[in-house]
Amino acid sequence: MQIQVWAAPSSRRLAVASLIVLVALAASPRSVFAQFSDALVAENSELQLLERAGGGAYQRYLITLTSNDGVVVLATNKDGAESTRKVAVADYLALWRELQDSNLLTLLNSTTKPNAPDGSRFTVKYRAGGASGEFSVVGVDSLADTRYRTIVRAVLDFASKH
């Protein structure tokens, strides 16, 4: 039995191109389909943001969130002033979901803008189970790709809130 698809040549090309894109995305190690489960994040994960500022109230701000067997610890170090405290797992999971919704797992280093007015350099590292990744970005407030800003601000806001 032979099945024939009747479509205009441009429709066939579009269908084939769409199929190729879907296969490529599914095969990519940093696929848009990749997500960390809540259970994996709560069990064993780490999220880290390092800000190196060119000026202002502080020069270096490190935020580290670590989960181990359902216990989440937030550690901060702002120019040597250290703080450590436990945070609710539900809050931590909500942060991870927000970051994943902003495509955390697919972002790579951003091209920097010379002399960006918001010249802090942010490095975001993450790990859940055996999978990990990171990216660095400068000038998050002036980038056209707002996902970087969303992720950086979410982590900064989380640390500030807790």
C-alpha atoms as a PDB file:
ATOM      1  CA  MET A   1       0.000   0.000   0.000  1.00  0.00           C
ATOM      2  CA  GLN A   2       1.357   3.372  -0.957  1.00  0.00           C
ATOM      3  CA  ILE A   3       0.262   6.601   0.685  1.00  0.00           C
ATOM      4  CA  GLN A   4       0.464   9.790  -1.280  1.00  0.00           C
ATOM      5  CA  VAL A   5       0.468  13.215   0.241  1.00  0.00           C
ATOM      6  CA  TRP A   6      -1.061  15.879  -1.914  1.00  0.00           C
ATOM      7  CA  ALA A   7       0.407  19.236  -1.141  1.00  0.00           C
ATOM      8  CA  ALA A   8       1.708  22.165  -3.029  1.00  0.00           C
ATOM      9  CA  PRO A   9       5.499  22.127  -3.429  1.00  0.00           C
ATOM     10  CA  SER A  10       5.913  24.994  -0.945  1.00  0.00           C
ATOM     11  CA  SER A  11       3.775  23.157   1.632  1.00  0.00           C
ATOM     12  CA  ARG A  12       5.909  20.040   1.269  1.00  0.00           C
ATOM     13  CA  ARG A  13       9.084  22.042   1.738  1.00  0.00           C
ATOM     14  CA  LEU A  14       7.623  23.676   4.836  1.00  0.00           C
ATOM     15  CA  ALA A  15       6.573  20.303   6.258  1.00  0.00           C
ATOM     16  CA  VAL A  16      10.013  18.795   5.614  1.00  0.00           C
ATOM     17  CA  ALA A  17      11.789  21.832   7.083  1.00  0.00           C
ATOM     18  CA  SER A  18       9.567  21.697  10.180  1.00  0.00           C
ATOM     19  CA  LEU A  19      10.319  18.019  10.633  1.00  0.00           C
ATOM     20  CA  ILE A  20      14.061  18.628  10.325  1.00  0.00           C
ATOM     21  CA  VAL A  21      13.919  21.407  12.946  1.00  0.00           C
ATOM     22  CA  LEU A  22      11.955  19.211  15.375  1.00  0.00           C
ATOM     23  CA  VAL A  23      14.412  16.327  14.966  1.00  0.00           C
ATOM     24  CA  ALA A  24      17.386  18.653  15.461  1.00  0.00           C
ATOM     25  CA  LEU A  25      15.871  20.140  18.618  1.00  0.00           C
ATOM     26  CA  ALA A  26      15.062  16.731  20.045  1.00  0.00           C
ATOM     27  CA  ALA A  27      18.605  15.476  19.353  1.00  0.00           C
ATOM     28  CA  SER A  28      20.315  18.524  20.841  1.00  0.00           C
ATOM     29  CA  PRO A  29      21.919  17.963  24.276  1.00  0.00           C
ATOM     30  CA  ARG A  30      20.645  21.388  25.368  1.00  0.00           C
ATOM     31  CA  SER A  31      17.196  20.776  23.990  1.00  0.00           C
ATOM     32  CA  VAL A  32      14.267  23.055  24.695  1.00  0.00           C
ATOM     33  CA  PHE A  33      12.493  19.888  25.829  1.00  0.00           C
ATOM     34  CA  ALA A  34      15.028  19.283  28.624  1.00  0.00           C
ATOM     35  CA  GLN A  35      13.792  20.083  32.098  1.00  0.00           C
ATOM     36  CA  PHE A  36      14.923  19.164  35.583  1.00  0.00           C
ATOM     37  CA  SER A  37      12.209  17.493  37.621  1.00  0.00           C
ATOM     38  CA  ASP A  38      11.125  18.932  40.963  1.00  0.00           C
ATOM     39  CA  ALA A  39      12.226  15.700  42.671  1.00  0.00           C
ATOM     40  CA  LEU A  40      15.742  15.922  41.210  1.00  0.00           C
ATOM     41  CA  VAL A  41      16.063  19.612  42.075  1.00  0.00           C
ATOM     42  CA  ALA A  42      14.907  19.031  45.672  1.00  0.00           C
ATOM     43  CA  GLU A  43      17.113  15.966  46.111  1.00  0.00           C
ATOM     44  CA  ASN A  44      20.467  17.176  44.803  1.00  0.00           C
ATOM     45  CA  SER A  45      21.053  20.467  43.000  1.00  0.00           C
ATOM     46  CA  GLU A  46      22.935  23.716  43.092  1.00  0.00           C
ATOM     47  CA  LEU A  47      22.297  27.125  41.603  1.00  0.00           C
ATOM     48  CA  GLN A  48      24.932  29.836  41.729  1.00  0.00           C
ATOM     49  CA  LEU A  49      25.042  33.439  40.598  1.00  0.00           C
ATOM     50  CA  LEU A  50      28.217  35.507  40.776  1.00  0.00           C
ATOM     51  CA  GLU A  51      28.040  39.229  40.099  1.00  0.00           C
ATOM     52  CA  ARG A  52      31.225  41.180  39.523  1.00  0.00           C
ATOM     53  CA  ALA A  53      30.361  44.854  39.573  1.00  0.00           C
ATOM     54  CA  GLY A  54      32.463  47.616  38.098  1.00  0.00           C
ATOM     55  CA  GLY A  55      31.365  50.046  40.769  1.00  0.00           C
ATOM     56  CA  GLY A  56      28.617  50.759  43.237  1.00  0.00           C
ATOM     57  CA  ALA A  57      27.831  49.527  46.728  1.00  0.00           C
ATOM     58  CA  TYR A  58      29.719  46.246  46.261  1.00  0.00           C
ATOM     59  CA  GLN A  59      32.256  44.683  43.900  1.00  0.00           C
ATOM     60  CA  ARG A  60      31.517  40.944  44.225  1.00  0.00           C
ATOM     61  CA  TYR A  61      28.277  39.209  45.179  1.00  0.00           C
ATOM     62  CA  LEU A  62      28.014  35.416  45.244  1.00  0.00           C
ATOM     63  CA  ILE A  63      24.657  33.693  45.758  1.00  0.00           C
ATOM     64  CA  THR A  64      24.648  29.910  46.128  1.00  0.00           C
ATOM     65  CA  LEU A  65      21.550  27.765  46.615  1.00  0.00           C
ATOM     66  CA  THR A  66      22.178  24.116  47.400  1.00  0.00           C
ATOM     67  CA  SER A  67      19.688  21.312  47.964  1.00  0.00           C
ATOM     68  CA  ASN A  68      20.555  18.018  49.570  1.00  0.00           C
ATOM     69  CA  ASP A  69      17.873  15.474  50.506  1.00  0.00           C
ATOM     70  CA  GLY A  70      15.146  18.124  50.553  1.00  0.00           C
ATOM     71  CA  VAL A  71      17.065  20.664  52.644  1.00  0.00           C
ATOM     72  CA  VAL A  72      17.815  23.914  50.831  1.00  0.00           C
ATOM     73  CA  VAL A  73      20.532  26.289  51.984  1.00  0.00           C
ATOM     74  CA  LEU A  74      21.031  29.818  50.696  1.00  0.00           C
ATOM     75  CA  ALA A  75      24.562  31.158  51.133  1.00  0.00           C
ATOM     76  CA  THR A  76      25.539  34.690  50.164  1.00  0.00           C
ATOM     77  CA  ASN A  77      28.869  36.473  50.152  1.00  0.00           C
ATOM     78  CA  LYS A  78      28.867  40.177  49.383  1.00  0.00           C
ATOM     79  CA  ASP A  79      32.444  41.500  49.427  1.00  0.00           C
ATOM     80  CA  GLY A  80      33.333  39.078  52.235  1.00  0.00           C
ATOM     81  CA  ALA A  81      30.174  39.554  54.330  1.00  0.00           C
ATOM     82  CA  GLU A  82      28.839  35.999  54.493  1.00  0.00           C
ATOM     83  CA  SER A  83      25.384  34.739  55.395  1.00  0.00           C
ATOM     84  CA  THR A  84      23.835  31.265  55.392  1.00  0.00           C
ATOM     85  CA  ARG A  85      20.227  30.257  56.016  1.00  0.00           C
ATOM     86  CA  LYS A  86      17.729  27.529  55.167  1.00  0.00           C
ATOM     87  CA  VAL A  87      14.890  28.275  52.761  1.00  0.00           C
ATOM     88  CA  ALA A  88      11.667  26.462  52.007  1.00  0.00           C
ATOM     89  CA  VAL A  89      11.923  23.759  49.356  1.00  0.00           C
ATOM     90  CA  ALA A  90       8.695  25.027  47.762  1.00  0.00           C
ATOM     91  CA  ASP A  91      10.248  28.486  47.253  1.00  0.00           C
ATOM     92  CA  TYR A  92      13.392  26.946  45.762  1.00  0.00           C
ATOM     93  CA  LEU A  93      11.381  24.771  43.375  1.00  0.00           C
ATOM     94  CA  ALA A  94       9.316  27.788  42.295  1.00  0.00           C
ATOM     95  CA  LEU A  95      12.565  29.626  41.479  1.00  0.00           C
ATOM     96  CA  TRP A  96      13.853  26.679  39.409  1.00  0.00           C
ATOM     97  CA  ARG A  97      10.551  26.491  37.513  1.00  0.00           C
ATOM     98  CA  GLU A  98      10.757  30.218  36.743  1.00  0.00           C
ATOM     99  CA  LEU A  99      14.333  29.847  35.506  1.00  0.00           C
ATOM    100  CA  GLN A 100      13.457  26.834  33.366  1.00  0.00           C
ATOM    101  CA  ASP A 101      10.471  28.721  31.921  1.00  0.00           C
ATOM    102  CA  SER A 102      13.012  31.360  30.857  1.00  0.00           C
ATOM    103  CA  ASN A 103      15.042  28.649  29.081  1.00  0.00           C
ATOM    104  CA  LEU A 104      17.890  28.482  31.593  1.00  0.00           C
ATOM    105  CA  LEU A 105      19.000  25.140  30.155  1.00  0.00           C
ATOM    106  CA  THR A 106      19.453  26.518  26.636  1.00  0.00           C
ATOM    107  CA  LEU A 107      21.264  29.812  27.279  1.00  0.00           C
ATOM    108  CA  LEU A 108      24.898  30.208  26.336  1.00  0.00           C
ATOM    109  CA  ASN A 109      27.353  33.023  26.994  1.00  0.00           C
ATOM    110  CA  SER A 110      25.931  36.274  25.710  1.00  0.00           C
ATOM    111  CA  THR A 111      27.853  38.574  23.454  1.00  0.00           C
ATOM    112  CA  THR A 112      28.820  41.570  25.484  1.00  0.00           C
ATOM    113  CA  LYS A 113      28.114  45.150  24.626  1.00  0.00           C
ATOM    114  CA  PRO A 114      31.117  47.424  25.002  1.00  0.00           C
ATOM    115  CA  ASN A 115      30.636  50.103  27.625  1.00  0.00           C
ATOM    116  CA  ALA A 116      27.176  48.879  28.662  1.00  0.00           C
ATOM    117  CA  PRO A 117      25.778  51.233  31.319  1.00  0.00           C
ATOM    118  CA  ASP A 118      24.841  48.209  33.435  1.00  0.00           C
ATOM    119  CA  GLY A 119      28.322  46.735  33.220  1.00  0.00           C
ATOM    120  CA  SER A 120      28.146  44.058  35.908  1.00  0.00           C
ATOM    121  CA  ARG A 121      29.277  40.625  34.734  1.00  0.00           C
ATOM    122  CA  PHE A 122      26.993  37.816  35.860  1.00  0.00           C
ATOM    123  CA  THR A 123      27.944  34.157  35.791  1.00  0.00           C
ATOM    124  CA  VAL A 124      25.148  31.667  36.392  1.00  0.00           C
ATOM    125  CA  LYS A 125      25.985  28.021  37.092  1.00  0.00           C
ATOM    126  CA  TYR A 126      23.503  25.250  37.742  1.00  0.00           C
ATOM    127  CA  ARG A 127      23.518  21.536  38.452  1.00  0.00           C
ATOM    128  CA  ALA A 128      20.812  18.996  39.130  1.00  0.00           C
ATOM    129  CA  GLY A 129      21.847  15.396  39.539  1.00  0.00           C
ATOM    130  CA  GLY A 130      24.619  14.763  37.026  1.00  0.00           C
ATOM    131  CA  ALA A 131      23.569  17.447  34.522  1.00  0.00           C
ATOM    132  CA  SER A 132      24.994  20.961  34.658  1.00  0.00           C
ATOM    133  CA  GLY A 133      25.565  24.131  32.695  1.00  0.00           C
ATOM    134  CA  GLU A 134      26.520  27.774  32.936  1.00  0.00           C
ATOM    135  CA  PHE A 135      26.574  31.063  31.109  1.00  0.00           C
ATOM    136  CA  SER A 136      28.096  34.521  31.546  1.00  0.00           C
ATOM    137  CA  VAL A 137      26.555  37.799  30.544  1.00  0.00           C
ATOM    138  CA  VAL A 138      27.350  41.520  30.775  1.00  0.00           C
ATOM    139  CA  GLY A 139      24.832  44.334  30.532  1.00  0.00           C
ATOM    140  CA  VAL A 140      21.686  42.283  31.215  1.00  0.00           C
ATOM    141  CA  ASP A 141      19.470  45.380  31.308  1.00  0.00           C
ATOM    142  CA  SER A 142      20.455  46.466  27.807  1.00  0.00           C
ATOM    143  CA  LEU A 143      20.389  43.101  25.996  1.00  0.00           C
ATOM    144  CA  ALA A 144      17.728  42.445  23.394  1.00  0.00           C
ATOM    145  CA  ASP A 145      17.340  38.879  24.733  1.00  0.00           C
ATOM    146  CA  THR A 146      15.476  39.550  27.979  1.00  0.00           C
ATOM    147  CA  ARG A 147      15.786  35.944  29.235  1.00  0.00           C
ATOM    148  CA  TYR A 148      19.212  36.728  30.710  1.00  0.00           C
ATOM    149  CA  ARG A 149      17.810  39.656  32.685  1.00  0.00           C
ATOM    150  CA  THR A 150      14.813  37.612  33.841  1.00  0.00           C
ATOM    151  CA  ILE A 151      17.042  34.844  35.179  1.00  0.00           C
ATOM    152  CA  VAL A 152      19.573  37.150  36.855  1.00  0.00           C
ATOM    153  CA  ARG A 153      16.848  39.297  38.452  1.00  0.00           C
ATOM    154  CA  ALA A 154      14.940  36.211  39.676  1.00  0.00           C
ATOM    155  CA  VAL A 155      18.006  34.906  41.533  1.00  0.00           C
ATOM    156  CA  LEU A 156      18.890  38.347  42.944  1.00  0.00           C
ATOM    157  CA  ASP A 157      15.277  38.881  44.057  1.00  0.00           C
ATOM    158  CA  PHE A 158      15.165  35.416  45.654  1.00  0.00           C
ATOM    159  CA  ALA A 159      18.295  36.114  47.707  1.00  0.00           C
ATOM    160  CA  SER A 160      17.011  39.544  48.683  1.00  0.00           C
ATOM    161  CA  LYS A 161      13.637  38.126  49.766  1.00  0.00           C
ATOM    162  CA  HIS A 162      15.183  35.371  51.850  1.00  0.00           C
END
